[in-house]
């Protein structure tokens, strides 16, 4: 049976919001949510407080329940139907408005007498790895500020992040369910892999399994070939060309994003089709050593930087480099291991206008029980990439792995 959230979880989160207001000295929060179907690493703190359809601006006064400003009547229709079915909705009808715009925010703040108050805002700060710039629309926020010139708006994303990184028991149950689905997706991809099928066949097998098991996974990253050093969505998802046909000796690498109840797990699929190049085998061994080093370092009391250093050590010893993060935080995102350093040594690098690596973000963050991380150790050796990994939780005594299939090189 799929897990769900109780009203106790709602009350815990709402109490957390009020504690955050007290800590930051603000009388309300304005919480911006990215549009629905945002894909991997979606910015959805609105759903954290509403447990409803993504894509709202939530205004949460200290002395009232949160008010959800949605962009269309369709949100209201979904809420009506959910109530008819007896589903446990967190938001009362009077607290939903089709008003996801500047005037909607201004009206709620004025209704609660906050025209001269301090108000915290979630959405004015970066949200790496996909939002290195704030996600709040400039025109929307400028209009709010113009109409409320005496409000002291205060960015509060970072303290919100610190308060929500450690998952509750109910959130961990949802994450375990997501991890089970992600593991099944990887198994389906392995079963579908053979010389003569296409990347699209392998991709479809994984996505079909997610749909069958009751979640809508965001699009995955996938690459294939006898040896490569690149990482991203399939080329045929953005460029008009046919999916690549898998050949004997290929390596298929994929990053599966699985979301259930807006909690995310990640699974790094690596499938060797027959005999692959020795450098791929060597890179996979280094990636596994990096994974094990990360497990040993992921424990309360250490910092995120300690985990990064531990996972980098096997790559440095082997003369390899990582094309994407070895590890990053999730639920919500925020900490990211640096990546891309070795690209500067490629013979083609000099032709590009600027080739800069992404630095590690969140080095000093202390680890506490309940935090979740995507372990995705990857290593490039002589231009050939291997990548493995999965989702790991900080337990009371050390790392807790939520999946195992994708933590080694798979063979078809």
Foldseek 3Di string as FASTA:
>chain_A
DAFDDDVVQLVVLLVLLLVLCVVVVFFKEWEFFDAPLPFPQGRFVVCSNWLAGTGWIWIGGNVDRIATAHQDCVSVVVVVVCVVVVHDTPDDPVRYHPHRALVVVLVVCVVVVQLQTEYEYEQQAAFPDVGNGGPPDPVRVVSNCVVRVNYHYHYRNVVVCVSFQADDPSLVSNVLLQLVLQQVLLVQLQVQDAQFAFPVSSQVSSQVSLVVSPFHWGRKKKDKDLFAADTDRFPVVPDPDDTGGDHQQMKMWMWTWTDDSNFIKIWIAIEHEHHGDPQQVVQQVLLLQLVVQLQVQQAFPAFPLSSLVSSCVSQVVVVWFAAAFQKFWPSPTFWTAKHDPCVCVDPCNVVDPDRDIGHTTRRGHGHDFRGKMWRWRWIADPRGIDIFTIMWTHHNGTIDGSDDPRSGHHYD
